[in-house]
Amino acid sequence: MFRRKPEPPEDRHAAWRSFLDCAEVIEGGRRVLLGTLPTGRVEPAPIGVGADALRRSISDARAWMGDWRVEELEHEWQDCVDALDEAEAAIDHVVEVAASTDELEELLESLQDVIDPLDAFADAERAWRRHWRLPR
């Protein structure tokens, strides 16, 4: 009645670990960028610091993308490549908005253009988990 998902084939273990590396580095870059938002009375780091951290994260993830490209997840892999391109292209706009306004709402809107595409990595993780029973 209920079947357990199969373990990933042996040749997919390294791909899974590479995917996790990509996803973790992207999430770290996102956190640094979001940590530069003004909150309360604490003076945050400049947006440029967060933008640079995310650029480095994207660069690292790009270097590892080929290591987790597997046939079963080709669509998700391509979505992640496109997400990296889209997010990277939007980073400069965030820096420009931060330099030109004190309006948090405007800054948040521009940040969405960077942060939202990177949700493709969460979608890809769900796809990995739909295919195989993976370690937590």
C-alpha atoms as a PDB file:
ATOM      1  CA  MET A   1       0.000   0.000   0.000  1.00  0.00           C
ATOM      2  CA  PHE A   2       2.656   2.518   1.050  1.00  0.00           C
ATOM      3  CA  ARG A   3       6.020   2.191  -0.587  1.00  0.00           C
ATOM      4  CA  ARG A   4       9.102   3.785   0.801  1.00  0.00           C
ATOM      5  CA  LYS A   5      11.075   5.964  -1.510  1.00  0.00           C
ATOM      6  CA  PRO A   6      14.251   4.304  -2.671  1.00  0.00           C
ATOM      7  CA  GLU A   7      17.670   5.247  -1.444  1.00  0.00           C
ATOM      8  CA  PRO A   8      19.515   7.325  -4.022  1.00  0.00           C
ATOM      9  CA  PRO A   9      21.797   5.307  -6.293  1.00  0.00           C
ATOM     10  CA  GLU A  10      25.405   5.334  -5.166  1.00  0.00           C
ATOM     11  CA  ASP A  11      26.371   7.726  -7.978  1.00  0.00           C
ATOM     12  CA  ARG A  12      23.857  10.294  -6.669  1.00  0.00           C
ATOM     13  CA  HIS A  13      25.351  10.607  -3.182  1.00  0.00           C
ATOM     14  CA  ALA A  14      28.119  12.995  -4.266  1.00  0.00           C
ATOM     15  CA  ALA A  15      25.606  14.974  -6.328  1.00  0.00           C
ATOM     16  CA  TRP A  16      23.360  15.339  -3.255  1.00  0.00           C
ATOM     17  CA  ARG A  17      26.267  16.599  -1.151  1.00  0.00           C
ATOM     18  CA  SER A  18      27.198  19.096  -3.885  1.00  0.00           C
ATOM     19  CA  PHE A  19      23.611  20.286  -4.039  1.00  0.00           C
ATOM     20  CA  LEU A  20      23.629  20.808  -0.279  1.00  0.00           C
ATOM     21  CA  ASP A  21      26.839  22.822  -0.560  1.00  0.00           C
ATOM     22  CA  CYS A  22      25.228  25.060  -3.191  1.00  0.00           C
ATOM     23  CA  ALA A  23      22.023  25.500  -1.237  1.00  0.00           C
ATOM     24  CA  GLU A  24      23.866  26.250   2.010  1.00  0.00           C
ATOM     25  CA  VAL A  25      26.198  28.821   0.474  1.00  0.00           C
ATOM     26  CA  ILE A  26      23.250  30.568  -1.183  1.00  0.00           C
ATOM     27  CA  GLU A  27      21.297  30.600   2.066  1.00  0.00           C
ATOM     28  CA  GLY A  28      24.312  32.044   3.882  1.00  0.00           C
ATOM     29  CA  GLY A  29      24.626  34.838   1.322  1.00  0.00           C
ATOM     30  CA  ARG A  30      20.925  35.589   1.600  1.00  0.00           C
ATOM     31  CA  ARG A  31      21.185  35.821   5.389  1.00  0.00           C
ATOM     32  CA  VAL A  32      24.098  38.243   5.211  1.00  0.00           C
ATOM     33  CA  LEU A  33      22.246  40.456   2.723  1.00  0.00           C
ATOM     34  CA  LEU A  34      19.056  40.429   4.788  1.00  0.00           C
ATOM     35  CA  GLY A  35      21.119  41.125   7.912  1.00  0.00           C
ATOM     36  CA  THR A  36      22.048  44.513   6.454  1.00  0.00           C
ATOM     37  CA  LEU A  37      18.455  45.732   6.672  1.00  0.00           C
ATOM     38  CA  PRO A  38      17.845  48.434   9.244  1.00  0.00           C
ATOM     39  CA  THR A  39      16.025  47.055  12.271  1.00  0.00           C
ATOM     40  CA  GLY A  40      15.371  48.751  15.555  1.00  0.00           C
ATOM     41  CA  ARG A  41      18.046  51.038  16.906  1.00  0.00           C
ATOM     42  CA  VAL A  42      20.973  48.923  15.779  1.00  0.00           C
ATOM     43  CA  GLU A  43      22.986  50.369  12.910  1.00  0.00           C
ATOM     44  CA  PRO A  44      23.295  47.587  10.329  1.00  0.00           C
ATOM     45  CA  ALA A  45      26.239  46.911   8.070  1.00  0.00           C
ATOM     46  CA  PRO A  46      26.057  48.707   4.719  1.00  0.00           C
ATOM     47  CA  ILE A  47      23.973  47.025   2.018  1.00  0.00           C
ATOM     48  CA  GLY A  48      27.148  46.776  -0.070  1.00  0.00           C
ATOM     49  CA  VAL A  49      28.588  44.309   2.439  1.00  0.00           C
ATOM     50  CA  GLY A  50      25.571  42.049   2.050  1.00  0.00           C
ATOM     51  CA  ALA A  51      25.586  42.473  -1.719  1.00  0.00           C
ATOM     52  CA  ASP A  52      29.246  41.453  -1.895  1.00  0.00           C
ATOM     53  CA  ALA A  53      28.609  38.436   0.319  1.00  0.00           C
ATOM     54  CA  LEU A  54      25.768  37.292  -1.901  1.00  0.00           C
ATOM     55  CA  ARG A  55      27.856  37.815  -5.039  1.00  0.00           C
ATOM     56  CA  ARG A  56      30.561  35.581  -3.543  1.00  0.00           C
ATOM     57  CA  SER A  57      27.934  33.010  -2.594  1.00  0.00           C
ATOM     58  CA  ILE A  58      26.554  32.991  -6.124  1.00  0.00           C
ATOM     59  CA  SER A  59      30.055  32.601  -7.525  1.00  0.00           C
ATOM     60  CA  ASP A  60      30.748  29.655  -5.218  1.00  0.00           C
ATOM     61  CA  ALA A  61      27.421  28.019  -6.072  1.00  0.00           C
ATOM     62  CA  ARG A  62      28.082  28.414  -9.807  1.00  0.00           C
ATOM     63  CA  ALA A  63      31.386  26.580  -9.389  1.00  0.00           C
ATOM     64  CA  TRP A  64      29.580  23.596  -7.830  1.00  0.00           C
ATOM     65  CA  MET A  65      26.442  23.527  -9.997  1.00  0.00           C
ATOM     66  CA  GLY A  66      27.792  21.002 -12.472  1.00  0.00           C
ATOM     67  CA  ASP A  67      28.525  18.579  -9.646  1.00  0.00           C
ATOM     68  CA  TRP A  68      24.844  18.045  -8.877  1.00  0.00           C
ATOM     69  CA  ARG A  69      23.436  18.033 -12.389  1.00  0.00           C
ATOM     70  CA  VAL A  70      21.524  14.751 -12.669  1.00  0.00           C
ATOM     71  CA  GLU A  71      19.058  13.647 -15.302  1.00  0.00           C
ATOM     72  CA  GLU A  72      16.146  13.201 -12.881  1.00  0.00           C
ATOM     73  CA  LEU A  73      16.415  16.828 -11.741  1.00  0.00           C
ATOM     74  CA  GLU A  74      17.413  18.575 -14.956  1.00  0.00           C
ATOM     75  CA  HIS A  75      14.460  20.971 -14.802  1.00  0.00           C
ATOM     76  CA  GLU A  76      15.197  21.983 -11.212  1.00  0.00           C
ATOM     77  CA  TRP A  77      18.903  22.298 -11.970  1.00  0.00           C
ATOM     78  CA  GLN A  78      18.166  24.683 -14.846  1.00  0.00           C
ATOM     79  CA  ASP A  79      15.777  26.668 -12.632  1.00  0.00           C
ATOM     80  CA  CYS A  80      18.605  27.096 -10.115  1.00  0.00           C
ATOM     81  CA  VAL A  81      21.034  28.244 -12.834  1.00  0.00           C
ATOM     82  CA  ASP A  82      18.441  30.764 -14.021  1.00  0.00           C
ATOM     83  CA  ALA A  83      17.838  31.878 -10.426  1.00  0.00           C
ATOM     84  CA  LEU A  84      21.542  32.577  -9.932  1.00  0.00           C
ATOM     85  CA  ASP A  85      21.566  34.677 -13.115  1.00  0.00           C
ATOM     86  CA  GLU A  86      18.431  36.581 -12.117  1.00  0.00           C
ATOM     87  CA  ALA A  87      19.558  37.249  -8.552  1.00  0.00           C
ATOM     88  CA  GLU A  88      23.023  38.354  -9.605  1.00  0.00           C
ATOM     89  CA  ALA A  89      21.595  40.729 -12.190  1.00  0.00           C
ATOM     90  CA  ALA A  90      19.386  42.353  -9.538  1.00  0.00           C
ATOM     91  CA  ILE A  91      22.083  42.920  -6.893  1.00  0.00           C
ATOM     92  CA  ASP A  92      23.377  46.187  -8.363  1.00  0.00           C
ATOM     93  CA  HIS A  93      19.862  47.628  -8.313  1.00  0.00           C
ATOM     94  CA  VAL A  94      19.587  46.903  -4.579  1.00  0.00           C
ATOM     95  CA  VAL A  95      22.816  48.792  -3.945  1.00  0.00           C
ATOM     96  CA  GLU A  96      21.567  51.722  -6.058  1.00  0.00           C
ATOM     97  CA  VAL A  97      18.229  51.852  -4.230  1.00  0.00           C
ATOM     98  CA  ALA A  98      19.953  51.704  -0.847  1.00  0.00           C
ATOM     99  CA  ALA A  99      22.186  54.623  -1.831  1.00  0.00           C
ATOM    100  CA  SER A 100      19.337  56.729  -3.180  1.00  0.00           C
ATOM    101  CA  THR A 101      16.570  56.382  -0.590  1.00  0.00           C
ATOM    102  CA  ASP A 102      15.852  56.008   3.080  1.00  0.00           C
ATOM    103  CA  GLU A 103      12.511  54.329   2.345  1.00  0.00           C
ATOM    104  CA  LEU A 104      12.585  50.804   3.705  1.00  0.00           C
ATOM    105  CA  GLU A 105       9.680  49.770   1.493  1.00  0.00           C
ATOM    106  CA  GLU A 106      11.597  50.638  -1.686  1.00  0.00           C
ATOM    107  CA  LEU A 107      14.624  48.743  -0.445  1.00  0.00           C
ATOM    108  CA  LEU A 108      12.523  45.700   0.425  1.00  0.00           C
ATOM    109  CA  GLU A 109      10.946  45.697  -3.029  1.00  0.00           C
ATOM    110  CA  SER A 110      14.352  45.692  -4.697  1.00  0.00           C
ATOM    111  CA  LEU A 111      15.568  42.962  -2.332  1.00  0.00           C
ATOM    112  CA  GLN A 112      12.672  40.749  -3.378  1.00  0.00           C
ATOM    113  CA  ASP A 113      14.085  40.731  -6.920  1.00  0.00           C
ATOM    114  CA  VAL A 114      17.294  39.238  -5.523  1.00  0.00           C
ATOM    115  CA  ILE A 115      15.938  36.942  -2.834  1.00  0.00           C
ATOM    116  CA  ASP A 116      12.839  35.455  -4.470  1.00  0.00           C
ATOM    117  CA  PRO A 117      14.525  33.741  -7.434  1.00  0.00           C
ATOM    118  CA  LEU A 118      16.834  31.896  -5.062  1.00  0.00           C
ATOM    119  CA  ASP A 119      13.831  29.998  -3.699  1.00  0.00           C
ATOM    120  CA  ALA A 120      14.534  27.694  -6.660  1.00  0.00           C
ATOM    121  CA  PHE A 121      17.041  25.944  -4.402  1.00  0.00           C
ATOM    122  CA  ALA A 122      14.293  25.080  -1.900  1.00  0.00           C
ATOM    123  CA  ASP A 123      12.192  23.776  -4.794  1.00  0.00           C
ATOM    124  CA  ALA A 124      15.140  21.680  -5.975  1.00  0.00           C
ATOM    125  CA  GLU A 125      15.599  20.218  -2.499  1.00  0.00           C
ATOM    126  CA  ARG A 126      11.950  19.186  -2.449  1.00  0.00           C
ATOM    127  CA  ALA A 127      12.465  17.531  -5.848  1.00  0.00           C
ATOM    128  CA  TRP A 128      15.469  15.591  -4.502  1.00  0.00           C
ATOM    129  CA  ARG A 129      13.321  14.417  -1.611  1.00  0.00           C
ATOM    130  CA  ARG A 130      10.429  13.426  -3.899  1.00  0.00           C
ATOM    131  CA  HIS A 131      12.768  11.140  -5.847  1.00  0.00           C
ATOM    132  CA  TRP A 132      14.758   9.550  -3.057  1.00  0.00           C
ATOM    133  CA  ARG A 133      14.867   8.970   0.644  1.00  0.00           C
ATOM    134  CA  LEU A 134      17.765  11.200   1.622  1.00  0.00           C
ATOM    135  CA  PRO A 135      19.600  11.646   4.898  1.00  0.00           C
ATOM    136  CA  ARG A 136      18.531  14.640   6.954  1.00  0.00           C
END
